[in-house]
Amino acid sequence: MDNTLSDNPYNETLQPGQKKPRRSFKRWLKTRTKKQWVAIILLLILVLGGIGAGVYFLFLKHDKPVVTTVVKKKAAPPKSTTVASNLSGLQVAPSVNERPVTAVMIENSTFARPQSGLDQAGIVFEAVAEGGITRFEALFQDTAPSYIGPVRSVRPYYIQWGMAFDAAIAHVGGSGEALQDMKDWKVKDLDQFANGAYYQRISSRDAPHNVYTSMSQLNDLETKKGYGTAKFTSFLRKGEEPSRTPNATSIDVAISGSLYNSHYDYDATKNAYKRSEGGAPHMEVDGNGAQTQIEPKVVITLTMQQGIEADDTHTAYNTIGSGHAYIFQDGKVTEGTWKKAANGENFTFTNLSNQPIKLNPGQTWITAVGDTSYVSYK
């Protein structure tokens, strides 16, 4: 029997009948060669490394989910579908500014009250017509009231104001000087005397306080006459900025007498001025009989030389040149200067530092007065 190292790890020769000695772990350790120990250590490192890796992946490693950052491009703001109205400064469809501007002479005698359409005008001019009785010139472009009146006669200064907006002027006759001016100045003329089909007389009022029209009728007449887009320089506009410390919430304009003097109360909730005249709220009535108080966003008084026309009957104003102005808006007053260089030139407004004054969008009510003493506020 060949007893080799494979059968006898201790390399001892066994005698016949002798049993294999019991293996001793200590002896086994002592008998390992250097190469064997290197191999054993490497094996242990591999085994332990494998075990450690398994434990790590099974119990310790918590894979974080892959987070993909999606950078969203900011959507471009939608293109505005509106623009500022050339007349009122309010936001309107671009096509509105391609319309004519229509000026309508509206009576203000006690027989004419309440008027119709005034509340929808972009700009209203107010002045004395004759005998202390005031009259309005209401300018329309971005609104189309269906009931406007009573329509009355025109004066030279109203023509000059309307021309600043390239307006066609609706009126029922006028002073002799005004009618001649209409021809000489080649004004866009919508005189009721020559275009009666575009006006009507209502039965609920006596003549001459009963002539009414509508914007659709006047627009049809303008189209017939070829009066297209109004070309003019707009007032400078700004955003509304209601004052936290208003200094002009009550305004009085002593333009004539008790029946025609006007008063304004500032309404902070609307940032507008409630208009009164003759000691009562100034109301407007629509075609259905509903009444609302007139509430302009901006109130302006223009001090200009006031006199009498050559006929010694009708009032006249020197509207070309410059003068003192009060501009009331946002609950505050700004003193400054108005300027108008020519019939076709618009008014400009500057403050006492000669800086341009910008107006709020919305209805602007402009009153001509003969002296600064006619205006007071608190």
Protein backbone atom coordinates (compact mmCIF):
# COMPACT_ATOMS: atom_id res chain seq x y z
CA MET A 1 0.00 0.00 0.00
CA ASP A 2 1.41 3.33 -1.06
CA ASN A 3 0.88 5.82 1.75
CA THR A 4 1.32 9.20 0.05
CA LEU A 5 0.92 12.75 1.29
CA SER A 6 -2.58 12.81 -0.06
CA ASP A 7 -3.50 10.03 2.41
CA ASN A 8 -1.17 11.12 5.15
CA PRO A 9 -1.12 14.82 5.56
CA TYR A 10 1.50 14.61 8.24
CA ASN A 11 3.91 12.79 5.91
CA GLU A 12 4.44 9.93 8.33
CA THR A 13 5.00 6.29 7.34
CA LEU A 14 2.34 3.99 8.79
CA GLN A 15 3.25 0.50 9.94
CA PRO A 16 1.09 -2.41 8.98
CA GLY A 17 -2.04 -2.39 11.13
CA GLN A 18 -1.33 1.15 12.40
CA LYS A 19 -4.29 3.60 12.26
CA LYS A 20 -4.04 7.07 10.76
CA PRO A 21 -3.31 9.58 13.45
CA ARG A 22 -6.08 12.09 14.21
CA ARG A 23 -5.59 15.36 12.41
CA SER A 24 -4.71 18.40 14.52
CA PHE A 25 -5.80 21.86 13.25
CA LYS A 26 -2.89 23.48 15.02
CA ARG A 27 -0.51 21.02 13.40
CA TRP A 28 -2.18 21.70 10.07
CA LEU A 29 -1.63 25.39 10.49
CA LYS A 30 2.01 24.86 11.38
CA THR A 31 2.65 22.71 8.35
CA ARG A 32 1.40 25.24 5.74
CA THR A 33 4.06 26.63 3.48
CA LYS A 34 4.48 30.33 2.68
CA LYS A 35 2.97 29.96 -0.79
CA GLN A 36 0.03 28.09 0.70
CA TRP A 37 -0.56 30.89 3.20
CA VAL A 38 -0.51 33.50 0.42
CA ALA A 39 -3.04 31.44 -1.49
CA ILE A 40 -5.22 30.99 1.62
CA ILE A 41 -5.16 34.73 2.43
CA LEU A 42 -6.05 35.67 -1.14
CA LEU A 43 -8.90 33.19 -1.09
CA LEU A 44 -10.18 34.60 2.20
CA ILE A 45 -10.03 38.14 0.81
CA LEU A 46 -12.04 37.10 -2.20
CA VAL A 47 -14.62 35.25 -0.12
CA LEU A 48 -15.00 38.02 2.44
CA GLY A 49 -15.11 40.67 -0.31
CA GLY A 50 -17.87 38.78 -2.05
CA ILE A 51 -19.84 38.43 1.18
CA GLY A 52 -19.40 42.15 1.95
CA ALA A 53 -20.52 43.14 -1.49
CA GLY A 54 -23.60 40.98 -1.23
CA VAL A 55 -24.55 42.48 2.12
CA TYR A 56 -24.05 45.99 0.77
CA PHE A 57 -26.20 45.49 -2.29
CA LEU A 58 -28.88 43.55 -0.41
CA PHE A 59 -29.25 45.62 2.73
CA LEU A 60 -27.33 48.88 2.64
CA LYS A 61 -27.43 50.29 -0.85
CA HIS A 62 -30.66 52.14 -1.60
CA ASP A 63 -30.48 53.27 -5.14
CA LYS A 64 -31.91 56.72 -5.57
CA PRO A 65 -34.25 57.00 -8.49
CA VAL A 66 -32.81 58.72 -11.46
CA VAL A 67 -34.19 62.23 -11.50
CA THR A 68 -34.47 63.77 -14.91
CA THR A 69 -34.73 67.53 -14.75
CA VAL A 70 -37.03 68.77 -17.44
CA VAL A 71 -36.39 72.40 -18.20
CA LYS A 72 -39.64 73.82 -19.39
CA LYS A 73 -39.37 76.72 -21.70
CA LYS A 74 -41.42 79.63 -20.50
CA ALA A 75 -44.35 79.99 -22.76
CA ALA A 76 -44.31 83.27 -24.59
CA PRO A 77 -47.01 85.57 -23.22
CA PRO A 78 -50.01 85.61 -25.50
CA LYS A 79 -49.91 88.44 -27.94
CA SER A 80 -52.25 91.19 -26.94
CA THR A 81 -55.33 91.35 -29.10
CA THR A 82 -56.07 94.94 -28.09
CA VAL A 83 -54.41 98.34 -28.36
CA ALA A 84 -54.98 101.69 -26.68
CA SER A 85 -57.76 103.70 -28.25
CA ASN A 86 -56.42 106.78 -30.01
CA LEU A 87 -59.29 108.77 -28.55
CA SER A 88 -59.96 107.46 -25.02
CA GLY A 89 -56.83 105.47 -24.20
CA LEU A 90 -58.95 102.45 -23.28
CA GLN A 91 -58.05 99.01 -24.67
CA VAL A 92 -59.86 98.31 -27.94
CA ALA A 93 -59.56 96.11 -30.99
CA PRO A 94 -56.99 97.52 -33.46
CA SER A 95 -59.73 98.05 -36.04
CA VAL A 96 -61.39 100.64 -33.78
CA ASN A 97 -58.57 103.10 -34.42
CA GLU A 98 -59.31 102.88 -38.12
CA ARG A 99 -62.74 104.43 -37.60
CA PRO A 100 -63.60 108.12 -38.00
CA VAL A 101 -63.87 110.31 -34.91
CA THR A 102 -67.36 111.78 -34.72
CA ALA A 103 -68.06 114.97 -32.78
CA VAL A 104 -71.69 115.63 -31.85
CA MET A 105 -72.96 118.99 -30.59
CA ILE A 106 -75.24 118.27 -27.61
CA GLU A 107 -77.50 120.84 -25.96
CA ASN A 108 -77.42 121.62 -22.24
CA SER A 109 -80.38 123.91 -21.64
CA THR A 110 -82.74 122.78 -18.91
CA PHE A 111 -85.11 121.57 -21.68
CA ALA A 112 -82.40 119.19 -22.95
CA ARG A 113 -81.81 117.31 -19.70
CA PRO A 114 -81.16 114.48 -19.24
CA GLN A 115 -79.08 114.12 -22.40
CA SER A 116 -78.29 110.87 -24.19
CA GLY A 117 -74.95 109.43 -25.25
CA LEU A 118 -72.72 111.74 -23.20
CA ASP A 119 -71.60 108.98 -20.85
CA GLN A 120 -70.16 106.97 -23.78
CA ALA A 121 -68.09 109.78 -25.29
CA GLY A 122 -64.31 109.41 -25.15
CA ILE A 123 -63.80 113.17 -24.76
CA VAL A 124 -66.31 115.91 -23.93
CA PHE A 125 -65.68 119.63 -24.41
CA GLU A 126 -67.86 122.06 -22.48
CA ALA A 127 -68.21 125.81 -23.03
CA VAL A 128 -70.81 128.58 -23.04
CA ALA A 129 -72.76 128.83 -26.30
CA GLU A 130 -74.78 131.98 -25.69
CA GLY A 131 -76.63 133.74 -22.90
CA GLY A 132 -74.69 131.79 -20.28
CA ILE A 133 -76.13 128.46 -21.52
CA THR A 134 -73.46 125.82 -21.86
CA ARG A 135 -73.16 123.26 -24.66
CA PHE A 136 -71.19 120.05 -25.11
CA GLU A 137 -69.16 118.65 -27.96
CA ALA A 138 -68.98 114.88 -27.45
CA LEU A 139 -66.36 112.89 -29.37
CA PHE A 140 -66.94 109.22 -30.22
CA GLN A 141 -64.79 106.54 -31.81
CA ASP A 142 -64.60 103.36 -29.71
CA THR A 143 -68.27 103.36 -28.67
CA ALA A 144 -71.46 103.36 -30.71
CA PRO A 145 -74.43 104.65 -28.70
CA SER A 146 -77.75 104.12 -30.38
CA TYR A 147 -79.38 107.22 -28.92
CA ILE A 148 -77.58 110.59 -28.96
CA GLY A 149 -79.01 114.04 -28.34
CA PRO A 150 -80.48 116.52 -28.32
CA VAL A 151 -78.25 117.71 -31.19
CA ARG A 152 -77.84 121.48 -31.54
CA SER A 153 -75.84 124.11 -33.42
CA VAL A 154 -72.09 124.60 -33.65
CA ARG A 155 -69.69 127.46 -32.79
CA PRO A 156 -66.18 128.27 -34.13
CA TYR A 157 -64.33 127.07 -31.02
CA TYR A 158 -66.11 123.72 -31.06
CA ILE A 159 -65.01 123.37 -34.68
CA GLN A 160 -61.41 124.10 -33.71
CA TRP A 161 -61.55 121.52 -30.92
CA GLY A 162 -63.07 118.91 -33.23
CA MET A 163 -60.49 119.58 -35.93
CA ALA A 164 -57.74 118.68 -33.45
CA PHE A 165 -59.09 115.10 -33.65
CA ASP A 166 -59.79 115.17 -37.41
CA ALA A 167 -63.42 114.77 -36.43
CA ALA A 168 -66.53 114.90 -38.56
CA ILE A 169 -68.94 117.25 -36.78
CA ALA A 170 -72.65 116.48 -36.37
CA HIS A 171 -74.73 119.60 -35.69
CA VAL A 172 -77.99 121.35 -36.49
CA GLY A 173 -76.87 124.56 -38.17
CA GLY A 174 -74.71 127.04 -36.29
CA SER A 175 -73.78 130.67 -35.89
CA GLY A 176 -73.10 132.52 -39.14
CA GLU A 177 -69.40 132.69 -38.33
CA ALA A 178 -69.24 128.97 -37.54
CA LEU A 179 -70.99 127.93 -40.75
CA GLN A 180 -68.58 130.03 -42.79
CA ASP A 181 -65.65 128.55 -40.86
CA MET A 182 -66.86 125.04 -41.70
CA LYS A 183 -66.50 125.91 -45.38
CA ASP A 184 -63.27 127.89 -45.12
CA TRP A 185 -61.52 125.29 -42.98
CA LYS A 186 -62.86 122.39 -45.09
CA VAL A 187 -64.26 120.63 -42.04
CA LYS A 188 -65.89 117.18 -42.29
CA ASP A 189 -69.47 118.37 -42.11
CA LEU A 190 -72.46 116.28 -40.94
CA ASP A 191 -74.96 119.17 -40.72
CA GLN A 192 -78.52 117.99 -40.10
CA PHE A 193 -79.83 120.73 -42.39
CA ALA A 194 -78.23 118.98 -45.38
CA ASN A 195 -78.52 115.38 -44.13
CA GLY A 196 -81.91 115.15 -42.46
CA ALA A 197 -82.36 111.44 -43.19
CA TYR A 198 -79.61 110.63 -40.67
CA TYR A 199 -81.40 112.39 -37.80
CA GLN A 200 -84.89 112.19 -36.32
CA ARG A 201 -87.09 114.33 -34.15
CA ILE A 202 -88.59 112.64 -31.11
CA SER A 203 -92.16 113.37 -30.02
CA SER A 204 -91.48 113.52 -26.28
CA ARG A 205 -89.70 116.89 -26.51
CA ASP A 206 -90.50 120.17 -28.17
CA ALA A 207 -88.42 121.66 -30.97
CA PRO A 208 -85.62 122.67 -31.11
CA HIS A 209 -84.70 120.33 -28.24
CA ASN A 210 -85.80 117.13 -29.98
CA VAL A 211 -83.23 116.26 -32.67
CA TYR A 212 -81.57 112.89 -32.05
CA THR A 213 -79.32 110.52 -33.95
CA SER A 214 -77.25 107.37 -33.45
CA MET A 215 -73.67 106.43 -34.11
CA SER A 216 -74.70 103.88 -36.72
CA GLN A 217 -76.54 106.60 -38.66
CA LEU A 218 -73.63 109.00 -38.43
CA ASN A 219 -71.14 106.30 -39.43
CA ASP A 220 -73.28 105.53 -42.49
CA LEU A 221 -73.25 109.22 -43.39
CA GLU A 222 -69.48 109.37 -42.92
CA THR A 223 -69.04 106.38 -45.22
CA LYS A 224 -71.27 108.01 -47.84
CA LYS A 225 -69.16 111.17 -47.68
CA GLY A 226 -65.87 109.26 -47.76
CA TYR A 227 -64.79 110.30 -44.26
CA GLY A 228 -62.39 107.53 -43.30
CA THR A 229 -59.86 106.94 -40.54
CA ALA A 230 -59.27 109.93 -38.28
CA LYS A 231 -55.63 111.01 -38.23
CA PHE A 232 -54.64 113.01 -35.17
CA THR A 233 -52.21 113.22 -32.27
CA SER A 234 -53.62 111.46 -29.21
CA PHE A 235 -53.40 112.75 -25.67
CA LEU A 236 -50.51 111.24 -23.72
CA ARG A 237 -51.85 108.44 -21.51
CA LYS A 238 -50.70 106.54 -18.42
CA GLY A 239 -51.94 103.80 -16.12
CA GLU A 240 -54.37 104.67 -13.34
CA GLU A 241 -52.63 105.47 -10.06
CA PRO A 242 -55.26 106.32 -7.40
CA SER A 243 -53.64 108.47 -4.74
CA ARG A 244 -53.46 107.31 -1.12
CA THR A 245 -53.46 110.96 -0.11
CA PRO A 246 -55.94 112.66 -2.46
CA ASN A 247 -55.95 116.44 -2.32
CA ALA A 248 -58.83 117.27 -4.67
CA THR A 249 -61.93 115.18 -4.00
CA SER A 250 -64.45 118.00 -4.38
CA ILE A 251 -64.32 120.27 -7.44
CA ASP A 252 -66.49 123.26 -8.39
CA VAL A 253 -66.52 124.97 -11.78
CA ALA A 254 -68.44 128.24 -11.85
CA ILE A 255 -68.68 128.42 -15.62
CA SER A 256 -71.85 130.49 -15.83
CA GLY A 257 -74.73 130.56 -13.37
CA SER A 258 -76.43 128.29 -10.87
CA LEU A 259 -78.17 126.21 -13.56
CA TYR A 260 -74.92 125.46 -15.40
CA ASN A 261 -72.18 125.48 -12.78
CA SER A 262 -70.78 122.00 -12.28
CA HIS A 263 -69.55 120.04 -9.29
CA TYR A 264 -67.54 116.80 -9.07
CA ASP A 265 -67.17 114.32 -6.22
CA TYR A 266 -64.24 111.94 -6.42
CA ASP A 267 -65.22 108.27 -6.09
CA ALA A 268 -62.10 106.42 -4.92
CA THR A 269 -63.64 102.98 -5.56
CA LYS A 270 -64.03 103.80 -9.26
CA ASN A 271 -61.21 106.34 -9.46
CA ALA A 272 -63.70 108.60 -11.24
CA TYR A 273 -65.54 111.87 -10.68
CA LYS A 274 -69.32 111.94 -10.23
CA ARG A 275 -70.55 114.96 -12.12
CA SER A 276 -73.36 117.26 -10.99
CA GLU A 277 -74.74 120.46 -12.50
CA GLY A 278 -77.40 122.89 -11.42
CA GLY A 279 -77.22 121.38 -7.92
CA ALA A 280 -78.23 117.86 -9.03
CA PRO A 281 -76.43 114.77 -10.33
CA HIS A 282 -75.81 115.07 -14.06
CA MET A 283 -77.73 112.13 -15.48
CA GLU A 284 -77.75 110.51 -18.90
CA VAL A 285 -80.72 108.54 -20.24
CA ASP A 286 -80.56 105.75 -22.81
CA GLY A 287 -83.17 104.86 -25.38
CA ASN A 288 -84.96 102.62 -22.88
CA GLY A 289 -85.29 105.31 -20.24
CA ALA A 290 -82.57 103.99 -17.91
CA GLN A 291 -80.55 106.76 -16.26
CA THR A 292 -76.95 106.76 -15.04
CA GLN A 293 -74.77 109.51 -13.58
CA ILE A 294 -71.93 110.78 -15.72
CA GLU A 295 -68.52 109.85 -14.24
CA PRO A 296 -65.44 111.00 -16.18
CA LYS A 297 -62.00 109.61 -15.29
CA VAL A 298 -60.25 112.94 -15.89
CA VAL A 299 -61.56 116.47 -15.39
CA ILE A 300 -59.67 119.37 -17.00
CA THR A 301 -60.32 123.10 -16.94
CA LEU A 302 -58.69 125.35 -19.55
CA THR A 303 -58.47 129.04 -18.82
CA MET A 304 -58.80 130.96 -22.10
CA GLN A 305 -59.91 134.41 -23.17
CA GLN A 306 -63.69 134.55 -23.43
CA GLY A 307 -65.66 137.11 -25.44
CA ILE A 308 -68.49 137.59 -27.95
CA GLU A 309 -68.60 136.84 -31.68
CA ALA A 310 -68.86 139.66 -34.17
CA ASP A 311 -72.64 139.22 -34.25
CA ASP A 312 -72.77 140.37 -30.59
CA THR A 313 -74.83 137.31 -29.74
CA HIS A 314 -72.72 134.16 -29.53
CA THR A 315 -69.87 133.47 -27.15
CA ALA A 316 -66.32 133.30 -28.48
CA TYR A 317 -63.13 131.78 -27.02
CA ASN A 318 -59.52 132.34 -28.03
CA THR A 319 -58.70 128.63 -28.27
CA ILE A 320 -55.41 128.98 -30.17
CA GLY A 321 -52.44 129.79 -27.95
CA SER A 322 -51.83 128.80 -24.33
CA GLY A 323 -53.18 129.29 -20.84
CA HIS A 324 -53.54 127.91 -17.35
CA ALA A 325 -54.87 124.38 -16.84
CA TYR A 326 -56.08 122.32 -13.90
CA ILE A 327 -55.89 118.55 -14.43
CA PHE A 328 -57.85 116.46 -11.93
CA GLN A 329 -57.25 112.71 -11.87
CA ASP A 330 -56.54 109.93 -9.34
CA GLY A 331 -58.01 112.19 -6.62
CA LYS A 332 -55.30 114.81 -7.10
CA VAL A 333 -54.88 118.08 -8.96
CA THR A 334 -51.98 119.13 -11.15
CA GLU A 335 -51.61 122.74 -12.22
CA GLY A 336 -50.01 123.45 -15.52
CA THR A 337 -50.33 124.95 -18.98
CA TRP A 338 -52.34 124.07 -22.06
CA LYS A 339 -51.10 124.80 -25.57
CA LYS A 340 -52.78 124.55 -28.98
CA ALA A 341 -50.82 125.82 -31.94
CA ALA A 342 -53.41 125.62 -34.75
CA ASN A 343 -56.87 124.37 -35.67
CA GLY A 344 -55.60 120.94 -36.67
CA GLU A 345 -53.19 120.67 -33.73
CA ASN A 346 -54.24 118.99 -30.50
CA PHE A 347 -53.93 120.30 -26.98
CA THR A 348 -50.80 119.50 -25.02
CA PHE A 349 -50.58 119.74 -21.24
CA THR A 350 -47.47 120.42 -19.17
CA ASN A 351 -46.99 120.85 -15.43
CA LEU A 352 -45.38 123.83 -13.71
CA SER A 353 -41.98 122.23 -14.36
CA ASN A 354 -42.81 122.12 -18.08
CA GLN A 355 -43.00 118.32 -18.04
CA PRO A 356 -45.74 116.60 -20.12
CA ILE A 357 -48.83 115.53 -18.19
CA LYS A 358 -50.19 112.09 -19.03
CA LEU A 359 -53.88 111.31 -18.59
CA ASN A 360 -55.72 108.26 -17.32
CA PRO A 361 -57.55 106.17 -19.92
CA GLY A 362 -61.28 106.70 -19.99
CA GLN A 363 -63.55 109.67 -20.48
CA THR A 364 -61.84 113.07 -20.29
CA TRP A 365 -64.11 116.04 -19.55
CA ILE A 366 -62.68 119.42 -20.63
CA THR A 367 -64.28 122.73 -19.65
CA ALA A 368 -63.26 126.16 -20.98
CA VAL A 369 -63.41 128.93 -18.36
CA GLY A 370 -62.70 132.66 -18.62
CA ASP A 371 -60.59 132.88 -15.46
CA THR A 372 -58.80 130.62 -12.96
CA SER A 373 -61.04 132.02 -10.22
CA TYR A 374 -63.94 130.05 -11.75
CA VAL A 375 -62.34 126.82 -10.48
CA SER A 376 -62.06 125.72 -6.84
CA TYR A 377 -61.39 122.45 -5.10
CA LYS A 378 -60.77 120.93 -1.68
